[in-house]
Amino acid sequence: MMLNLVHVKLTGMLELRHFKLIAAVADTGSLAAASRQLHLTSSALSHQLRDAEERLGVQLFQRRQRRLLLTGSGEKLLLSARRVLSEVAQAEAVCRAHPQDDLLRLSTGCYTVYGWLPPILGRWQAEHPRVELRIVLEATRQPLGALLNGELDLALTTDVPPQARLAQTALFEDELMLVVPEDHALARRGHVTAEDLVREHLLTYAAPREQLDVFTRVLWPAGIEPHRVSPVPLTEALIELVRGGIGVTALPKWMLPGQHHGLQTVRLTPQGIRRRWSAVTHASRQRPAPLTHFIQLLRERFSLHGKAGPRAASRRAVPPKRSRCVMGASQPHSTARQGE
């Protein structure tokens, strides 16, 4: 049976992240300075800029004496970008004018990191029965940006860069592994390198490449782009496609089923790709008691299981009987949706 993975390339449509990039590079004159402002690597911004130019079919910047200067097309787009960003900022300010004390907004850097939630939620809501926990799926791809913009109260994510506006509490570490079918040629290797992935069919989360560790920490540092990449919206689908021999993917072991028959994990690079997960909040805002207690419960939960990660922390979990947990958008009355 043939499986066709359909790819849709958006042309001529820019996203908010592109407008932020254009404004930041125009203001700072370089990708390195813009990367510090946007909390992304220079490599990620370089790919993001290339993506914007490919979508529009025009060059937005040109390099002169170690500075990036706007082209004519870039100047015109910058005017629109500043107008859009200003209107978005005003809309966000209106929404944040009256914060809710009875709401805790949470998101993570991965859609599948919620298996630990039920047991923690039960204990937390016993102490704070009037506070609603809202999982903001829309912030999953850029939780730190959403946190700084006031759209979140708590972000659970990996490898947070030093930033005075962010306060972080360490939770656990994991290692990103290459997941392959058990009969794959790479299955018996002690480790694989970026060069080994060139001719593989790489299955990834449906997210921009600059947000995927397999690109930013394995492929791009080696100057490599795989010949074939297919975005897949769900972790379960990623695993089953690999099991069926369709391709390979990069996941930590705790995301795999307890009995992962037909699969094999192989270390990425000789040193491995280790990641530190942290609970991150806005440093300039006082933590309310419900938020402080939730982070305390997270630390207790993960400290018991160490490197085993969330999968071990969620075993034998019993969902709370009465949960005020909403999965969906950050706006009230939103419908839940599945992601990544």
C-alpha atoms as a PDB file:
ATOM      1  CA  MET A   1       0.000   0.000   0.000  1.00  0.00           C
ATOM      2  CA  MET A   2       1.329   3.394  -0.985  1.00  0.00           C
ATOM      3  CA  LEU A   3       1.135   6.300   1.457  1.00  0.00           C
ATOM      4  CA  ASN A   4       1.127   9.764   0.003  1.00  0.00           C
ATOM      5  CA  LEU A   5       2.001  12.575   2.411  1.00  0.00           C
ATOM      6  CA  VAL A   6       0.602  15.767   0.960  1.00  0.00           C
ATOM      7  CA  HIS A   7       2.648  18.930   1.372  1.00  0.00           C
ATOM      8  CA  VAL A   8       1.077  22.352   1.112  1.00  0.00           C
ATOM      9  CA  LYS A   9       3.506  25.218   0.596  1.00  0.00           C
ATOM     10  CA  LEU A  10       2.129  28.587   1.548  1.00  0.00           C
ATOM     11  CA  THR A  11       3.179  31.272  -0.905  1.00  0.00           C
ATOM     12  CA  GLY A  12       2.633  34.966  -0.499  1.00  0.00           C
ATOM     13  CA  MET A  13       1.338  34.568   3.068  1.00  0.00           C
ATOM     14  CA  LEU A  14       3.455  35.904   5.908  1.00  0.00           C
ATOM     15  CA  GLU A  15       2.959  35.112   9.571  1.00  0.00           C
ATOM     16  CA  LEU A  16       3.374  37.337  12.621  1.00  0.00           C
ATOM     17  CA  ARG A  17       6.819  35.806  13.260  1.00  0.00           C
ATOM     18  CA  HIS A  18       7.977  37.097   9.854  1.00  0.00           C
ATOM     19  CA  PHE A  19       6.837  40.639  10.649  1.00  0.00           C
ATOM     20  CA  LYS A  20       8.666  40.517  14.008  1.00  0.00           C
ATOM     21  CA  LEU A  21      11.812  39.312  12.249  1.00  0.00           C
ATOM     22  CA  ILE A  22      11.721  42.046   9.594  1.00  0.00           C
ATOM     23  CA  ALA A  23      11.230  44.773  12.207  1.00  0.00           C
ATOM     24  CA  ALA A  24      13.974  43.391  14.472  1.00  0.00           C
ATOM     25  CA  VAL A  25      16.560  43.094  11.679  1.00  0.00           C
ATOM     26  CA  ALA A  26      15.668  46.569  10.393  1.00  0.00           C
ATOM     27  CA  ASP A  27      16.125  47.998  13.901  1.00  0.00           C
ATOM     28  CA  THR A  28      19.356  46.169  14.778  1.00  0.00           C
ATOM     29  CA  GLY A  29      21.020  45.772  11.388  1.00  0.00           C
ATOM     30  CA  SER A  30      22.051  42.144  11.862  1.00  0.00           C
ATOM     31  CA  LEU A  31      20.647  38.670  12.428  1.00  0.00           C
ATOM     32  CA  ALA A  32      22.883  38.193  15.485  1.00  0.00           C
ATOM     33  CA  ALA A  33      21.439  41.243  17.258  1.00  0.00           C
ATOM     34  CA  ALA A  34      17.908  40.395  16.142  1.00  0.00           C
ATOM     35  CA  SER A  35      18.322  36.857  17.499  1.00  0.00           C
ATOM     36  CA  ARG A  36      18.983  38.237  20.987  1.00  0.00           C
ATOM     37  CA  GLN A  37      15.922  40.440  20.735  1.00  0.00           C
ATOM     38  CA  LEU A  38      13.654  37.625  19.508  1.00  0.00           C
ATOM     39  CA  HIS A  39      15.181  34.838  21.654  1.00  0.00           C
ATOM     40  CA  LEU A  40      15.993  32.647  18.634  1.00  0.00           C
ATOM     41  CA  THR A  41      19.319  31.531  17.158  1.00  0.00           C
ATOM     42  CA  SER A  42      20.899  33.365  14.227  1.00  0.00           C
ATOM     43  CA  SER A  43      20.620  30.173  12.180  1.00  0.00           C
ATOM     44  CA  ALA A  44      16.895  29.937  12.903  1.00  0.00           C
ATOM     45  CA  LEU A  45      16.356  33.578  11.911  1.00  0.00           C
ATOM     46  CA  SER A  46      18.370  33.075   8.718  1.00  0.00           C
ATOM     47  CA  HIS A  47      16.057  30.238   7.673  1.00  0.00           C
ATOM     48  CA  GLN A  48      13.018  32.267   8.715  1.00  0.00           C
ATOM     49  CA  LEU A  49      14.162  35.215   6.586  1.00  0.00           C
ATOM     50  CA  ARG A  50      14.756  32.917   3.619  1.00  0.00           C
ATOM     51  CA  ASP A  51      11.270  31.495   4.117  1.00  0.00           C
ATOM     52  CA  ALA A  52       9.731  34.991   4.063  1.00  0.00           C
ATOM     53  CA  GLU A  53      11.612  35.950   0.892  1.00  0.00           C
ATOM     54  CA  GLU A  54      10.630  32.695  -0.834  1.00  0.00           C
ATOM     55  CA  ARG A  55       6.981  33.227   0.041  1.00  0.00           C
ATOM     56  CA  LEU A  56       7.033  36.738  -1.405  1.00  0.00           C
ATOM     57  CA  GLY A  57       9.425  36.074  -4.264  1.00  0.00           C
ATOM     58  CA  VAL A  58      11.502  39.183  -3.486  1.00  0.00           C
ATOM     59  CA  GLN A  59      14.712  40.035  -1.603  1.00  0.00           C
ATOM     60  CA  LEU A  60      14.010  41.965   1.597  1.00  0.00           C
ATOM     61  CA  PHE A  61      17.563  42.745   2.786  1.00  0.00           C
ATOM     62  CA  GLN A  62      20.985  43.192   1.215  1.00  0.00           C
ATOM     63  CA  ARG A  63      24.348  43.032   3.024  1.00  0.00           C
ATOM     64  CA  ARG A  64      26.550  46.138   3.046  1.00  0.00           C
ATOM     65  CA  GLN A  65      29.627  46.499   5.236  1.00  0.00           C
ATOM     66  CA  ARG A  66      28.534  43.789   7.682  1.00  0.00           C
ATOM     67  CA  ARG A  67      25.052  45.258   8.052  1.00  0.00           C
ATOM     68  CA  LEU A  68      21.743  44.102   6.621  1.00  0.00           C
ATOM     69  CA  LEU A  69      19.943  46.954   4.872  1.00  0.00           C
ATOM     70  CA  LEU A  70      16.389  46.924   3.588  1.00  0.00           C
ATOM     71  CA  THR A  71      15.754  46.734  -0.129  1.00  0.00           C
ATOM     72  CA  GLY A  72      12.962  48.766  -1.719  1.00  0.00           C
ATOM     73  CA  SER A  73      10.566  45.863  -1.251  1.00  0.00           C
ATOM     74  CA  GLY A  74      11.782  45.480   2.317  1.00  0.00           C
ATOM     75  CA  GLU A  75      11.103  49.153   3.099  1.00  0.00           C
ATOM     76  CA  LYS A  76       7.519  48.815   1.891  1.00  0.00           C
ATOM     77  CA  LEU A  77       6.979  45.623   3.866  1.00  0.00           C
ATOM     78  CA  LEU A  78       8.497  47.163   7.003  1.00  0.00           C
ATOM     79  CA  LEU A  79       5.811  49.874   7.014  1.00  0.00           C
ATOM     80  CA  SER A  80       3.101  47.215   6.936  1.00  0.00           C
ATOM     81  CA  ALA A  81       4.934  45.088   9.510  1.00  0.00           C
ATOM     82  CA  ARG A  82       5.144  47.955  12.018  1.00  0.00           C
ATOM     83  CA  ARG A  83       1.470  48.748  11.525  1.00  0.00           C
ATOM     84  CA  VAL A  84       0.449  45.116  12.031  1.00  0.00           C
ATOM     85  CA  LEU A  85       2.671  44.680  15.108  1.00  0.00           C
ATOM     86  CA  SER A  86       1.356  47.904  16.614  1.00  0.00           C
ATOM     87  CA  GLU A  87      -2.262  46.851  16.155  1.00  0.00           C
ATOM     88  CA  VAL A  88      -1.555  43.413  17.617  1.00  0.00           C
ATOM     89  CA  ALA A  89       0.194  44.993  20.625  1.00  0.00           C
ATOM     90  CA  GLN A  90      -2.767  47.313  21.208  1.00  0.00           C
ATOM     91  CA  ALA A  91      -5.213  44.432  21.024  1.00  0.00           C
ATOM     92  CA  GLU A  92      -3.134  42.413  23.481  1.00  0.00           C
ATOM     93  CA  ALA A  93      -2.932  45.373  25.863  1.00  0.00           C
ATOM     94  CA  VAL A  94      -6.717  45.666  25.876  1.00  0.00           C
ATOM     95  CA  CYS A  95      -7.088  41.963  26.631  1.00  0.00           C
ATOM     96  CA  ARG A  96      -4.553  42.161  29.461  1.00  0.00           C
ATOM     97  CA  ALA A  97      -6.021  45.286  31.027  1.00  0.00           C
ATOM     98  CA  HIS A  98      -8.126  43.223  33.430  1.00  0.00           C
ATOM     99  CA  PRO A  99      -6.226  40.034  34.293  1.00  0.00           C
ATOM    100  CA  GLN A 100      -8.139  37.159  35.840  1.00  0.00           C
ATOM    101  CA  ASP A 101      -7.016  36.061  39.310  1.00  0.00           C
ATOM    102  CA  ASP A 102      -9.005  32.861  38.943  1.00  0.00           C
ATOM    103  CA  LEU A 103      -7.194  31.659  35.807  1.00  0.00           C
ATOM    104  CA  LEU A 104      -3.834  29.932  35.246  1.00  0.00           C
ATOM    105  CA  ARG A 105      -2.798  29.776  31.582  1.00  0.00           C
ATOM    106  CA  LEU A 106      -0.335  27.025  30.726  1.00  0.00           C
ATOM    107  CA  SER A 107       1.438  25.837  27.597  1.00  0.00           C
ATOM    108  CA  THR A 108       4.423  23.641  26.810  1.00  0.00           C
ATOM    109  CA  GLY A 109       7.026  23.345  24.079  1.00  0.00           C
ATOM    110  CA  CYS A 110       5.421  20.070  23.026  1.00  0.00           C
ATOM    111  CA  TYR A 111       1.798  19.017  22.566  1.00  0.00           C
ATOM    112  CA  THR A 112       2.384  15.604  24.166  1.00  0.00           C
ATOM    113  CA  VAL A 113       3.790  16.691  27.531  1.00  0.00           C
ATOM    114  CA  TYR A 114       0.458  16.505  29.348  1.00  0.00           C
ATOM    115  CA  GLY A 115       0.455  12.895  30.590  1.00  0.00           C
ATOM    116  CA  TRP A 116       1.666  14.099  34.003  1.00  0.00           C
ATOM    117  CA  LEU A 117      -1.199  16.580  34.377  1.00  0.00           C
ATOM    118  CA  PRO A 118      -4.085  14.574  35.946  1.00  0.00           C
ATOM    119  CA  PRO A 119      -2.420  13.640  39.268  1.00  0.00           C
ATOM    120  CA  ILE A 120      -0.928  17.122  39.689  1.00  0.00           C
ATOM    121  CA  LEU A 121      -4.214  18.774  38.792  1.00  0.00           C
ATOM    122  CA  GLY A 122      -6.094  16.786  41.411  1.00  0.00           C
ATOM    123  CA  ARG A 123      -3.816  17.929  44.248  1.00  0.00           C
ATOM    124  CA  TRP A 124      -3.603  21.498  42.961  1.00  0.00           C
ATOM    125  CA  GLN A 125      -7.351  22.008  42.581  1.00  0.00           C
ATOM    126  CA  ALA A 126      -7.985  20.624  46.040  1.00  0.00           C
ATOM    127  CA  GLU A 127      -6.124  23.709  47.310  1.00  0.00           C
ATOM    128  CA  HIS A 128      -7.433  26.129  44.671  1.00  0.00           C
ATOM    129  CA  PRO A 129     -10.942  24.983  43.724  1.00  0.00           C
ATOM    130  CA  ARG A 130     -11.964  28.346  42.260  1.00  0.00           C
ATOM    131  CA  VAL A 131      -8.998  28.667  39.891  1.00  0.00           C
ATOM    132  CA  GLU A 132      -9.316  27.388  36.317  1.00  0.00           C
ATOM    133  CA  LEU A 133      -6.347  25.857  34.509  1.00  0.00           C
ATOM    134  CA  ARG A 134      -6.417  26.681  30.814  1.00  0.00           C
ATOM    135  CA  ILE A 135      -4.050  24.884  28.411  1.00  0.00           C
ATOM    136  CA  VAL A 136      -3.266  27.306  25.591  1.00  0.00           C
ATOM    137  CA  LEU A 137      -2.446  25.056  22.644  1.00  0.00           C
ATOM    138  CA  GLU A 138      -1.965  28.037  20.332  1.00  0.00           C
ATOM    139  CA  ALA A 139       1.163  29.029  22.298  1.00  0.00           C
ATOM    140  CA  THR A 140       2.841  25.619  21.971  1.00  0.00           C
ATOM    141  CA  ARG A 141       5.145  26.601  19.101  1.00  0.00           C
ATOM    142  CA  GLN A 142       6.443  29.761  20.809  1.00  0.00           C
ATOM    143  CA  PRO A 143       5.684  29.510  24.544  1.00  0.00           C
ATOM    144  CA  LEU A 144       8.364  32.002  25.601  1.00  0.00           C
ATOM    145  CA  GLY A 145       7.103  34.660  23.229  1.00  0.00           C
ATOM    146  CA  ALA A 146       3.552  34.111  24.463  1.00  0.00           C
ATOM    147  CA  LEU A 147       4.791  34.374  28.048  1.00  0.00           C
ATOM    148  CA  LEU A 148       6.585  37.677  27.401  1.00  0.00           C
ATOM    149  CA  ASN A 149       3.543  38.998  25.556  1.00  0.00           C
ATOM    150  CA  GLY A 150       1.303  38.307  28.543  1.00  0.00           C
ATOM    151  CA  GLU A 151      -0.621  35.478  26.872  1.00  0.00           C
ATOM    152  CA  LEU A 152       0.598  32.841  29.355  1.00  0.00           C
ATOM    153  CA  ASP A 153       1.280  32.548  33.066  1.00  0.00           C
ATOM    154  CA  LEU A 154       3.459  29.438  32.854  1.00  0.00           C
ATOM    155  CA  ALA A 155       5.472  27.839  30.040  1.00  0.00           C
ATOM    156  CA  LEU A 156       7.071  24.395  30.242  1.00  0.00           C
ATOM    157  CA  THR A 157       9.833  24.219  27.666  1.00  0.00           C
ATOM    158  CA  THR A 158      13.431  23.228  26.967  1.00  0.00           C
ATOM    159  CA  ASP A 159      16.775  25.033  26.912  1.00  0.00           C
ATOM    160  CA  VAL A 160      15.596  28.497  27.911  1.00  0.00           C
ATOM    161  CA  PRO A 161      18.167  31.167  26.947  1.00  0.00           C
ATOM    162  CA  PRO A 162      19.362  33.545  29.689  1.00  0.00           C
ATOM    163  CA  GLN A 163      16.869  36.376  29.782  1.00  0.00           C
ATOM    164  CA  ALA A 164      16.351  38.904  32.560  1.00  0.00           C
ATOM    165  CA  ARG A 165      12.612  38.996  31.877  1.00  0.00           C
ATOM    166  CA  LEU A 166      12.226  35.247  32.433  1.00  0.00           C
ATOM    167  CA  ALA A 167      12.359  33.262  35.681  1.00  0.00           C
ATOM    168  CA  GLN A 168      12.867  29.520  35.337  1.00  0.00           C
ATOM    169  CA  THR A 169      12.674  26.502  37.635  1.00  0.00           C
ATOM    170  CA  ALA A 170      14.503  23.336  36.507  1.00  0.00           C
ATOM    171  CA  LEU A 171      12.276  20.231  36.209  1.00  0.00           C
ATOM    172  CA  PHE A 172      14.028  17.338  34.420  1.00  0.00           C
ATOM    173  CA  GLU A 173      16.366  16.422  31.552  1.00  0.00           C
ATOM    174  CA  ASP A 174      15.808  14.209  28.533  1.00  0.00           C
ATOM    175  CA  GLU A 175      17.713  13.172  25.416  1.00  0.00           C
ATOM    176  CA  LEU A 176      16.468  13.530  21.854  1.00  0.00           C
ATOM    177  CA  MET A 177      16.889  10.200  20.019  1.00  0.00           C
ATOM    178  CA  LEU A 178      16.494   9.071  16.426  1.00  0.00           C
ATOM    179  CA  VAL A 179      13.565   6.627  16.229  1.00  0.00           C
ATOM    180  CA  VAL A 180      13.797   4.076  13.407  1.00  0.00           C
ATOM    181  CA  PRO A 181      12.105   0.762  12.510  1.00  0.00           C
ATOM    182  CA  GLU A 182      13.797  -2.132  14.287  1.00  0.00           C
ATOM    183  CA  ASP A 183      15.020  -3.595  10.985  1.00  0.00           C
ATOM    184  CA  HIS A 184      16.405  -0.269   9.712  1.00  0.00           C
ATOM    185  CA  ALA A 185      20.035  -0.051   8.587  1.00  0.00           C
ATOM    186  CA  LEU A 186      20.761   2.502  11.354  1.00  0.00           C
ATOM    187  CA  ALA A 187      19.065   0.509  14.133  1.00  0.00           C
ATOM    188  CA  ARG A 188      22.263  -1.211  15.303  1.00  0.00           C
ATOM    189  CA  ARG A 189      24.472   1.871  15.198  1.00  0.00           C
ATOM    190  CA  GLY A 190      25.815   3.288  18.433  1.00  0.00           C
ATOM    191  CA  HIS A 191      25.007   6.763  17.177  1.00  0.00           C
ATOM    192  CA  VAL A 192      24.168   8.592  13.956  1.00  0.00           C
ATOM    193  CA  THR A 193      25.442  11.871  12.552  1.00  0.00           C
ATOM    194  CA  ALA A 194      23.828  14.551  10.435  1.00  0.00           C
ATOM    195  CA  GLU A 195      25.390  12.982   7.333  1.00  0.00           C
ATOM    196  CA  ASP A 196      23.542   9.724   8.068  1.00  0.00           C
ATOM    197  CA  LEU A 197      20.215  11.555   7.806  1.00  0.00           C
ATOM    198  CA  VAL A 198      20.746  13.153   4.387  1.00  0.00           C
ATOM    199  CA  ARG A 199      18.996  10.401   2.433  1.00  0.00           C
ATOM    200  CA  GLU A 200      16.452   9.455   5.096  1.00  0.00           C
ATOM    201  CA  HIS A 201      12.776  10.401   4.942  1.00  0.00           C
ATOM    202  CA  LEU A 202      12.601  12.593   8.046  1.00  0.00           C
ATOM    203  CA  LEU A 203       9.213  12.865   9.770  1.00  0.00           C
ATOM    204  CA  THR A 204       8.839  15.896  12.037  1.00  0.00           C
ATOM    205  CA  TYR A 205       6.240  17.783  13.991  1.00  0.00           C
ATOM    206  CA  ALA A 206       4.226  20.252  11.917  1.00  0.00           C
ATOM    207  CA  ALA A 207       6.213  23.254  13.151  1.00  0.00           C
ATOM    208  CA  PRO A 208       8.694  25.715  11.610  1.00  0.00           C
ATOM    209  CA  ARG A 209      12.093  24.079  11.231  1.00  0.00           C
ATOM    210  CA  GLU A 210      13.799  26.702  13.382  1.00  0.00           C
ATOM    211  CA  GLN A 211      11.773  25.327  16.315  1.00  0.00           C
ATOM    212  CA  LEU A 212      12.816  21.690  15.804  1.00  0.00           C
ATOM    213  CA  ASP A 213      15.941  20.514  17.666  1.00  0.00           C
ATOM    214  CA  VAL A 214      16.824  17.960  15.003  1.00  0.00           C
ATOM    215  CA  PHE A 215      17.398  20.882  12.610  1.00  0.00           C
ATOM    216  CA  THR A 216      18.868  23.505  14.950  1.00  0.00           C
ATOM    217  CA  ARG A 217      21.151  21.138  16.893  1.00  0.00           C
ATOM    218  CA  VAL A 218      21.952  18.324  14.454  1.00  0.00           C
ATOM    219  CA  LEU A 219      21.405  19.141  10.777  1.00  0.00           C
ATOM    220  CA  TRP A 220      21.982  22.874  10.413  1.00  0.00           C
ATOM    221  CA  PRO A 221      25.255  23.005  12.435  1.00  0.00           C
ATOM    222  CA  ALA A 222      26.580  20.466   9.901  1.00  0.00           C
ATOM    223  CA  GLY A 223      25.231  22.489   6.966  1.00  0.00           C
ATOM    224  CA  ILE A 224      22.878  19.685   5.951  1.00  0.00           C
ATOM    225  CA  GLU A 225      19.302  19.607   4.696  1.00  0.00           C
ATOM    226  CA  PRO A 226      17.688  16.143   4.343  1.00  0.00           C
ATOM    227  CA  HIS A 227      16.383  15.241   0.900  1.00  0.00           C
ATOM    228  CA  ARG A 228      12.843  14.578   2.126  1.00  0.00           C
ATOM    229  CA  VAL A 229      10.971  16.007   5.120  1.00  0.00           C
ATOM    230  CA  SER A 230       7.304  15.416   5.949  1.00  0.00           C
ATOM    231  CA  PRO A 231       5.488  17.289   8.728  1.00  0.00           C
ATOM    232  CA  VAL A 232       3.090  15.137  10.752  1.00  0.00           C
ATOM    233  CA  PRO A 233       0.526  16.704  13.118  1.00  0.00           C
ATOM    234  CA  LEU A 234       0.422  14.081  15.905  1.00  0.00           C
ATOM    235  CA  THR A 235       3.031  12.229  17.958  1.00  0.00           C
ATOM    236  CA  GLU A 236       1.033   8.998  17.713  1.00  0.00           C
ATOM    237  CA  ALA A 237       1.012   9.300  13.919  1.00  0.00           C
ATOM    238  CA  LEU A 238       4.769   9.943  13.867  1.00  0.00           C
ATOM    239  CA  ILE A 239       5.395   6.764  15.851  1.00  0.00           C
ATOM    240  CA  GLU A 240       3.116   4.576  13.739  1.00  0.00           C
ATOM    241  CA  LEU A 241       4.573   5.891  10.460  1.00  0.00           C
ATOM    242  CA  VAL A 242       8.066   5.035  11.690  1.00  0.00           C
ATOM    243  CA  ARG A 243       6.883   1.624  12.865  1.00  0.00           C
ATOM    244  CA  GLY A 244       5.449   1.053   9.384  1.00  0.00           C
ATOM    245  CA  GLY A 245       8.762   1.852   7.706  1.00  0.00           C
ATOM    246  CA  ILE A 246       7.671   5.156   6.151  1.00  0.00           C
ATOM    247  CA  GLY A 247      10.526   7.194   7.634  1.00  0.00           C
ATOM    248  CA  VAL A 248      12.484   8.112  10.753  1.00  0.00           C
ATOM    249  CA  THR A 249      11.850  10.749  13.419  1.00  0.00           C
ATOM    250  CA  ALA A 250      13.492  12.389  16.436  1.00  0.00           C
ATOM    251  CA  LEU A 251      11.815  12.018  19.843  1.00  0.00           C
ATOM    252  CA  PRO A 252      12.840  11.499  23.471  1.00  0.00           C
ATOM    253  CA  LYS A 253      12.298   7.954  24.744  1.00  0.00           C
ATOM    254  CA  TRP A 254       9.598   8.987  27.224  1.00  0.00           C
ATOM    255  CA  MET A 255       7.295   9.934  24.320  1.00  0.00           C
ATOM    256  CA  LEU A 256       7.357   6.384  22.987  1.00  0.00           C
ATOM    257  CA  PRO A 257       4.834   3.732  24.120  1.00  0.00           C
ATOM    258  CA  GLY A 258       5.919   1.631  27.091  1.00  0.00           C
ATOM    259  CA  GLN A 259       6.127  -1.412  24.797  1.00  0.00           C
ATOM    260  CA  HIS A 260       7.602   0.017  21.609  1.00  0.00           C
ATOM    261  CA  HIS A 261       7.675  -3.152  19.501  1.00  0.00           C
ATOM    262  CA  GLY A 262       9.018  -2.626  15.997  1.00  0.00           C
ATOM    263  CA  LEU A 263      10.980   0.493  16.966  1.00  0.00           C
ATOM    264  CA  GLN A 264      14.586   1.191  17.866  1.00  0.00           C
ATOM    265  CA  THR A 265      16.181   4.348  19.258  1.00  0.00           C
ATOM    266  CA  VAL A 266      19.656   5.529  18.280  1.00  0.00           C
ATOM    267  CA  ARG A 267      21.687   8.365  19.803  1.00  0.00           C
ATOM    268  CA  LEU A 268      21.920  11.546  17.720  1.00  0.00           C
ATOM    269  CA  THR A 269      25.587  12.627  17.370  1.00  0.00           C
ATOM    270  CA  PRO A 270      28.376  11.039  19.410  1.00  0.00           C
ATOM    271  CA  GLN A 271      27.693  13.310  22.395  1.00  0.00           C
ATOM    272  CA  GLY A 272      23.896  13.042  22.280  1.00  0.00           C
ATOM    273  CA  ILE A 273      21.331  15.850  22.254  1.00  0.00           C
ATOM    274  CA  ARG A 274      20.354  16.489  25.856  1.00  0.00           C
ATOM    275  CA  ARG A 275      17.657  19.000  26.794  1.00  0.00           C
ATOM    276  CA  ARG A 276      16.713  20.660  30.081  1.00  0.00           C
ATOM    277  CA  TRP A 277      13.020  21.206  30.763  1.00  0.00           C
ATOM    278  CA  SER A 278      12.051  24.157  32.945  1.00  0.00           C
ATOM    279  CA  ALA A 279       8.961  25.844  34.309  1.00  0.00           C
ATOM    280  CA  VAL A 280       9.212  29.456  33.101  1.00  0.00           C
ATOM    281  CA  THR A 281       7.333  32.526  34.306  1.00  0.00           C
ATOM    282  CA  HIS A 282       7.567  36.264  33.716  1.00  0.00           C
ATOM    283  CA  ALA A 283      10.252  37.581  36.097  1.00  0.00           C
ATOM    284  CA  SER A 284       8.725  41.035  36.541  1.00  0.00           C
ATOM    285  CA  ARG A 285       5.349  39.742  37.704  1.00  0.00           C
ATOM    286  CA  GLN A 286       4.626  38.515  41.176  1.00  0.00           C
ATOM    287  CA  ARG A 287       3.707  34.838  41.243  1.00  0.00           C
ATOM    288  CA  PRO A 288       0.240  34.349  42.729  1.00  0.00           C
ATOM    289  CA  ALA A 289      -0.180  31.515  45.226  1.00  0.00           C
ATOM    290  CA  PRO A 290      -1.888  29.127  42.744  1.00  0.00           C
ATOM    291  CA  LEU A 291       0.984  29.486  40.259  1.00  0.00           C
ATOM    292  CA  THR A 292       3.652  29.026  42.937  1.00  0.00           C
ATOM    293  CA  HIS A 293       1.893  25.906  44.221  1.00  0.00           C
ATOM    294  CA  PHE A 294       1.551  24.446  40.711  1.00  0.00           C
ATOM    295  CA  ILE A 295       5.296  24.832  40.067  1.00  0.00           C
ATOM    296  CA  GLN A 296       6.039  23.282  43.457  1.00  0.00           C
ATOM    297  CA  LEU A 297       3.935  20.242  42.548  1.00  0.00           C
ATOM    298  CA  LEU A 298       5.738  19.960  39.196  1.00  0.00           C
ATOM    299  CA  ARG A 299       9.134  19.933  40.919  1.00  0.00           C
ATOM    300  CA  GLU A 300       7.997  17.315  43.410  1.00  0.00           C
ATOM    301  CA  ARG A 301       6.520  15.118  40.697  1.00  0.00           C
ATOM    302  CA  PHE A 302       9.534  15.143  38.384  1.00  0.00           C
ATOM    303  CA  SER A 303      12.154  14.961  41.160  1.00  0.00           C
ATOM    304  CA  LEU A 304      10.737  11.553  42.095  1.00  0.00           C
ATOM    305  CA  HIS A 305      11.343  10.179  38.603  1.00  0.00           C
ATOM    306  CA  GLY A 306      14.574  11.931  37.579  1.00  0.00           C
ATOM    307  CA  LYS A 307      15.648  11.213  34.018  1.00  0.00           C
ATOM    308  CA  ALA A 308      12.673   8.970  33.321  1.00  0.00           C
ATOM    309  CA  GLY A 309      10.718  12.064  32.348  1.00  0.00           C
ATOM    310  CA  PRO A 310       6.971  12.680  32.132  1.00  0.00           C
ATOM    311  CA  ARG A 311       6.067   9.149  30.977  1.00  0.00           C
ATOM    312  CA  ALA A 312       7.175   7.672  34.304  1.00  0.00           C
ATOM    313  CA  ALA A 313       5.588  10.559  36.169  1.00  0.00           C
ATOM    314  CA  SER A 314       2.228   9.839  34.545  1.00  0.00           C
ATOM    315  CA  ARG A 315       2.063   6.088  35.170  1.00  0.00           C
ATOM    316  CA  ARG A 316      -0.886   4.920  37.228  1.00  0.00           C
ATOM    317  CA  ALA A 317      -2.242   8.446  37.023  1.00  0.00           C
ATOM    318  CA  VAL A 318      -5.847   8.833  38.133  1.00  0.00           C
ATOM    319  CA  PRO A 319      -7.699  11.803  36.592  1.00  0.00           C
ATOM    320  CA  PRO A 320      -9.362  14.149  39.073  1.00  0.00           C
ATOM    321  CA  LYS A 321     -13.074  13.647  39.477  1.00  0.00           C
ATOM    322  CA  ARG A 322     -13.990  17.299  39.028  1.00  0.00           C
ATOM    323  CA  SER A 323     -11.494  19.181  36.890  1.00  0.00           C
ATOM    324  CA  ARG A 324     -11.664  22.802  35.844  1.00  0.00           C
ATOM    325  CA  CYS A 325      -9.140  22.285  33.085  1.00  0.00           C
ATOM    326  CA  VAL A 326      -9.813  23.712  29.635  1.00  0.00           C
ATOM    327  CA  MET A 327      -7.771  22.798  26.545  1.00  0.00           C
ATOM    328  CA  GLY A 328      -8.023  25.282  23.754  1.00  0.00           C
ATOM    329  CA  ALA A 329      -7.358  28.846  22.795  1.00  0.00           C
ATOM    330  CA  SER A 330      -6.446  31.572  25.231  1.00  0.00           C
ATOM    331  CA  GLN A 331      -9.786  33.267  24.678  1.00  0.00           C
ATOM    332  CA  PRO A 332     -12.789  32.219  26.780  1.00  0.00           C
ATOM    333  CA  HIS A 333     -15.324  29.754  25.367  1.00  0.00           C
ATOM    334  CA  SER A 334     -12.830  28.435  22.794  1.00  0.00           C
ATOM    335  CA  THR A 335     -13.216  24.974  21.393  1.00  0.00           C
ATOM    336  CA  ALA A 336     -10.480  22.425  22.047  1.00  0.00           C
ATOM    337  CA  ARG A 337      -8.295  21.312  19.178  1.00  0.00           C
ATOM    338  CA  GLN A 338      -5.580  18.765  18.811  1.00  0.00           C
ATOM    339  CA  GLY A 339      -2.183  19.840  17.662  1.00  0.00           C
ATOM    340  CA  GLU A 340       1.208  18.806  16.497  1.00  0.00           C
END
